[in-house]
Structures are given as structure tokens and as C-alpha cells.
Amino acid sequence: MAQLHQSVATLRIQGDSLKPDEISSILGCTPTESYVKGQIKPSKRKPIVRKTGAWHLTAADQEPENLDAQVAEIFTRVNSDLAVWAVLSSKYKLQLFCGFFMEVSGEDLEVTPETLKVLADRGIKLYICIYAPTNDVVETKEIIGGQSIDQRLNQYLNLGWVLLEQWLCHDGDPSQPNRTFHALLGWKNKATPPVHPVKKCADD
């Protein structure tokens, strides 16, 4: 299998009483982003009111993914005293956000025990989001016939219309759509809805 295309990672410390300057002083590092509860962030649509305080430290993006390197980057920049982290974990929510971006289906990743231990020793939860490739469905080819999935789907839809036409014409009168079919679709006792143009039945 191929390695995951890209990874992003951010250490998140969150809490209603969190004061970013205090966290920066404790960890000896300036955050990538920080805010206090109730702080307003300007937005084109509607101002965003922060529901809680937060202190974020983001590592450089890695391509292909390399979570081990990102964790190492983050934790070499902050205080390594586990007693300090014990205090932080008792007061705030600690989380390492990881975003993994796939280029094709079937990509994988591997994380070393050392990286996991760094997080476990500090009481930090691992939060993972995996983003699927956007063009994978379109480009995937079926084994039989070499057709794309969307081409095969169109064939099935066309076949569905043929079967529908035959169903509507089962009583020999294409102008009177089957009542049971309409009832199943919630059209009972309503005016006949627009449907795909119905061909005249063969025996008309």
C-alpha cells in the first residue's frame, strides 16, 4: 500500500479558564494561534464567538505523511517536564489534532511506539480526521469492461427508465401511470407528476 499523501498536526490545549499568556509561559513557547473564551473573531458572514479558550501549536505539514516527525517538532519546542503536563491535563483538555489527506484509496500510515508514548506520558488524546481523495470515484475503473463507475451508473439509470416505462405501460395505456407505483412514492391521490417521456407500448 502507498503511504498517506499528506499530514497536518496541531497540539490543542483548551479550557474555559485558559489564559494563553500563562500557557505560553509554562511551556516556554509562543502559540501558532490562541484566544480566550468569548473572544470574537471577525468573519465575512457572521462574527465567530469563541466558546472556550485555546492555545494551539502547529507543526509543519508533511508530504508524504510523517506524524512521527510532526510530534517530534512540536514537543522539542515545549517544556518536557511531565509534572507540568500532569498539571495541564488536570485543568485543560489536551489533544493532538491530526489531519490525513489521501491522494488515492488504500493509503496507509505507521506511527512508532515512541511517538505514542510521548502523547500518553502527557495525557494527550490523539484526534484523527481522514480526508478521502476527491477525484478517486471519478477516476476508478471497473475491472469488467474498463468503464468508469459514473459510466456504469448511467447505464443502470437508463435501464431503470426502460423498466419504469414498461411498468407504467403494463395495462396497455401509457397515458394512465400505474397507481401503485405513484402511491409508493407518496403521490397517491395527487395529480400525475412529471416523469421521463413515456414511449407508447408495443401493442398500442
Protein backbone atom coordinates (compact mmCIF):
# COMPACT_ATOMS: atom_id res chain seq x y z
CA MET A 1 0.00 0.00 0.00
CA ALA A 2 1.03 3.60 -0.58
CA GLN A 3 1.85 5.97 2.25
CA LEU A 4 -0.72 8.64 3.08
CA HIS A 5 -0.30 11.65 0.84
CA GLN A 6 -0.12 14.41 3.47
CA SER A 7 -0.45 15.04 7.20
CA VAL A 8 -1.07 18.10 9.36
CA ALA A 9 -0.73 18.18 13.14
CA THR A 10 -1.64 20.68 15.87
CA LEU A 11 -1.29 20.48 19.65
CA ARG A 12 -4.50 21.84 21.19
CA ILE A 13 -4.93 22.93 24.79
CA GLN A 14 -8.46 24.08 25.58
CA GLY A 15 -10.44 25.28 28.58
CA ASP A 16 -12.94 27.93 29.65
CA SER A 17 -10.50 29.47 32.14
CA LEU A 18 -7.48 29.21 29.83
CA LYS A 19 -5.26 32.27 29.53
CA PRO A 20 -2.92 31.96 26.53
CA ASP A 21 -0.10 34.01 28.08
CA GLU A 22 0.03 31.69 31.08
CA ILE A 23 0.26 28.60 28.85
CA SER A 24 3.00 30.23 26.79
CA SER A 25 4.94 30.99 29.97
CA ILE A 26 4.52 27.45 31.31
CA LEU A 27 5.54 25.75 28.06
CA GLY A 28 8.17 28.30 27.07
CA CYS A 29 6.76 28.65 23.58
CA THR A 30 4.67 31.09 21.53
CA PRO A 31 1.50 29.50 20.07
CA THR A 32 0.54 29.41 16.42
CA GLU A 33 -2.94 30.57 17.46
CA SER A 34 -4.60 31.38 20.77
CA TYR A 35 -7.74 33.00 22.16
CA VAL A 36 -9.85 33.30 25.31
CA LYS A 37 -13.45 32.27 25.85
CA GLY A 38 -15.86 34.84 24.43
CA GLN A 39 -13.28 36.36 22.12
CA ILE A 40 -14.80 37.47 18.82
CA LYS A 41 -13.20 36.52 15.50
CA PRO A 42 -14.22 38.67 12.51
CA SER A 43 -15.85 36.80 9.63
CA LYS A 44 -17.26 37.78 6.23
CA ARG A 45 -20.63 36.23 7.07
CA LYS A 46 -21.05 36.40 10.83
CA PRO A 47 -18.60 37.12 13.67
CA ILE A 48 -17.43 33.95 15.44
CA VAL A 49 -17.65 33.94 19.24
CA ARG A 50 -15.16 31.54 20.79
CA LYS A 51 -16.95 29.03 23.02
CA THR A 52 -13.82 28.26 25.04
CA GLY A 53 -10.23 29.36 25.41
CA ALA A 54 -7.48 27.67 23.38
CA TRP A 55 -3.73 27.52 22.81
CA HIS A 56 -2.60 25.86 19.56
CA LEU A 57 0.85 24.91 18.30
CA THR A 58 1.03 23.65 14.72
CA ALA A 59 3.82 21.63 13.11
CA ALA A 60 4.94 21.97 9.51
CA ASP A 61 2.84 19.98 7.03
CA GLN A 62 4.42 16.74 5.87
CA GLU A 63 4.14 15.25 2.39
CA PRO A 64 4.03 12.28 2.37
CA GLU A 65 2.65 11.99 5.90
CA ASN A 66 5.11 11.84 8.76
CA LEU A 67 3.31 12.12 12.09
CA ASP A 68 6.43 10.98 13.95
CA ALA A 69 8.35 14.00 12.64
CA GLN A 70 5.50 16.37 13.44
CA VAL A 71 5.17 15.15 17.03
CA ALA A 72 8.93 15.45 17.45
CA GLU A 73 8.84 19.01 16.09
CA ILE A 74 6.08 20.09 18.46
CA PHE A 75 7.43 18.54 21.64
CA THR A 76 11.02 19.67 21.17
CA ARG A 77 9.66 23.23 21.28
CA VAL A 78 7.79 22.95 24.57
CA ASN A 79 8.55 22.16 28.20
CA SER A 80 9.40 18.45 28.61
CA ASP A 81 8.69 18.25 32.37
CA LEU A 82 5.99 15.60 32.78
CA ALA A 83 4.92 17.14 36.11
CA VAL A 84 3.99 20.30 34.22
CA TRP A 85 1.95 18.29 31.77
CA ALA A 86 0.20 16.48 34.61
CA VAL A 87 -1.00 19.84 35.92
CA LEU A 88 -2.11 20.96 32.47
CA SER A 89 -4.01 17.73 31.80
CA SER A 90 -5.85 18.09 35.12
CA LYS A 91 -7.05 21.60 34.24
CA TYR A 92 -7.49 21.60 30.48
CA LYS A 93 -8.41 19.42 27.52
CA LEU A 94 -5.24 18.25 25.77
CA GLN A 95 -5.45 16.98 22.23
CA LEU A 96 -3.20 16.37 19.23
CA PHE A 97 -5.24 17.03 16.11
CA CYS A 98 -4.03 15.06 13.08
CA GLY A 99 -5.42 15.54 9.59
CA PHE A 100 -4.52 12.94 7.00
CA PHE A 101 -5.14 13.65 3.31
CA MET A 102 -5.40 10.78 0.85
CA GLU A 103 -4.44 11.07 -2.81
CA VAL A 104 -5.83 7.64 -3.77
CA SER A 105 -7.74 4.93 -1.96
CA GLY A 106 -5.83 2.36 0.09
CA GLU A 107 -3.10 4.60 1.52
CA ASP A 108 -1.79 3.78 4.98
CA LEU A 109 0.34 5.16 7.79
CA GLU A 110 2.51 3.90 10.61
CA VAL A 111 3.17 5.55 13.98
CA THR A 112 6.06 4.46 16.21
CA PRO A 113 5.64 3.41 19.86
CA GLU A 114 7.94 6.30 20.84
CA THR A 115 5.54 8.84 19.34
CA LEU A 116 2.55 7.28 21.06
CA LYS A 117 4.45 7.27 24.37
CA VAL A 118 5.13 11.00 24.10
CA LEU A 119 1.40 11.61 23.94
CA ALA A 120 0.47 9.03 26.60
CA ASP A 121 3.02 10.35 29.10
CA ARG A 122 1.45 13.80 28.87
CA GLY A 123 -2.19 12.72 28.91
CA ILE A 124 -2.79 13.92 25.36
CA LYS A 125 -5.57 12.38 23.29
CA LEU A 126 -5.00 11.66 19.60
CA TYR A 127 -7.75 13.14 17.42
CA ILE A 128 -7.66 11.96 13.79
CA CYS A 129 -9.51 13.21 10.71
CA ILE A 130 -9.02 11.36 7.42
CA TYR A 131 -9.89 13.17 4.20
CA ALA A 132 -10.69 10.94 1.22
CA PRO A 133 -9.43 11.76 -2.30
CA THR A 134 -11.89 14.00 -4.14
CA ASN A 135 -11.34 12.54 -7.62
CA ASP A 136 -10.99 8.88 -6.70
CA VAL A 137 -14.56 7.87 -7.56
CA VAL A 138 -14.45 9.50 -10.96
CA GLU A 139 -11.11 8.00 -11.94
CA THR A 140 -11.66 4.50 -10.57
CA LYS A 141 -12.17 1.92 -13.34
CA GLU A 142 -14.21 -1.22 -13.06
CA ILE A 143 -12.47 -4.46 -13.87
CA ILE A 144 -15.13 -5.61 -16.32
CA GLY A 145 -15.18 -3.54 -19.49
CA GLY A 146 -12.81 -0.86 -18.16
CA GLN A 147 -15.71 1.54 -17.62
CA SER A 148 -15.67 4.27 -15.02
CA ILE A 149 -18.15 3.99 -12.16
CA ASP A 150 -20.12 7.00 -13.35
CA GLN A 151 -20.44 5.48 -16.84
CA ARG A 152 -21.75 2.22 -15.42
CA LEU A 153 -24.14 4.17 -13.16
CA ASN A 154 -25.56 5.96 -16.19
CA GLN A 155 -26.18 2.59 -17.82
CA TYR A 156 -28.08 1.43 -14.75
CA LEU A 157 -30.14 4.64 -14.72
CA ASN A 158 -31.03 4.23 -18.39
CA LEU A 159 -32.04 0.63 -17.74
CA GLY A 160 -34.14 1.87 -14.83
CA TRP A 161 -36.06 4.21 -17.14
CA VAL A 162 -36.75 1.35 -19.54
CA LEU A 163 -38.13 -0.81 -16.72
CA LEU A 164 -40.16 2.14 -15.43
CA GLU A 165 -41.69 2.67 -18.86
CA GLN A 166 -42.61 -0.99 -19.07
CA TRP A 167 -44.16 -0.81 -15.60
CA LEU A 168 -46.20 2.28 -16.48
CA CYS A 169 -47.40 0.60 -19.65
CA HIS A 170 -48.31 -2.72 -18.08
CA ASP A 171 -52.05 -2.15 -18.61
CA GLY A 172 -51.62 -1.12 -22.25
CA ASP A 173 -52.41 2.56 -21.63
CA PRO A 174 -49.29 4.80 -21.35
CA SER A 175 -51.44 7.82 -20.52
CA GLN A 176 -52.53 6.27 -17.20
CA PRO A 177 -49.43 5.72 -14.97
CA ASN A 178 -49.59 2.82 -12.55
CA ARG A 179 -51.34 3.95 -9.34
CA THR A 180 -49.45 1.56 -7.08
CA PHE A 181 -46.12 2.92 -8.30
CA HIS A 182 -47.17 6.50 -7.54
CA ALA A 183 -48.54 5.53 -4.15
CA LEU A 184 -45.18 4.05 -3.21
CA LEU A 185 -43.56 7.39 -3.99
CA GLY A 186 -46.06 9.37 -1.96
CA TRP A 187 -48.07 10.52 -4.95
CA LYS A 188 -51.34 8.80 -4.08
CA ASN A 189 -54.46 10.89 -4.76
CA LYS A 190 -52.31 13.65 -6.30
CA ALA A 191 -52.04 14.93 -9.81
CA THR A 192 -49.82 12.85 -12.07
CA PRO A 193 -46.24 14.08 -11.56
CA PRO A 194 -43.89 14.79 -14.46
CA VAL A 195 -41.98 11.69 -15.48
CA HIS A 196 -39.41 10.70 -18.07
CA PRO A 197 -41.11 10.77 -21.50
CA VAL A 198 -43.03 7.52 -21.84
CA LYS A 199 -42.89 5.65 -25.12
CA LYS A 200 -46.05 4.09 -26.43
CA CYS A 201 -46.44 0.45 -25.54
CA ALA A 202 -45.59 -2.04 -28.25
CA ASP A 203 -49.16 -3.30 -28.61
CA ASP A 204 -50.75 0.20 -28.97
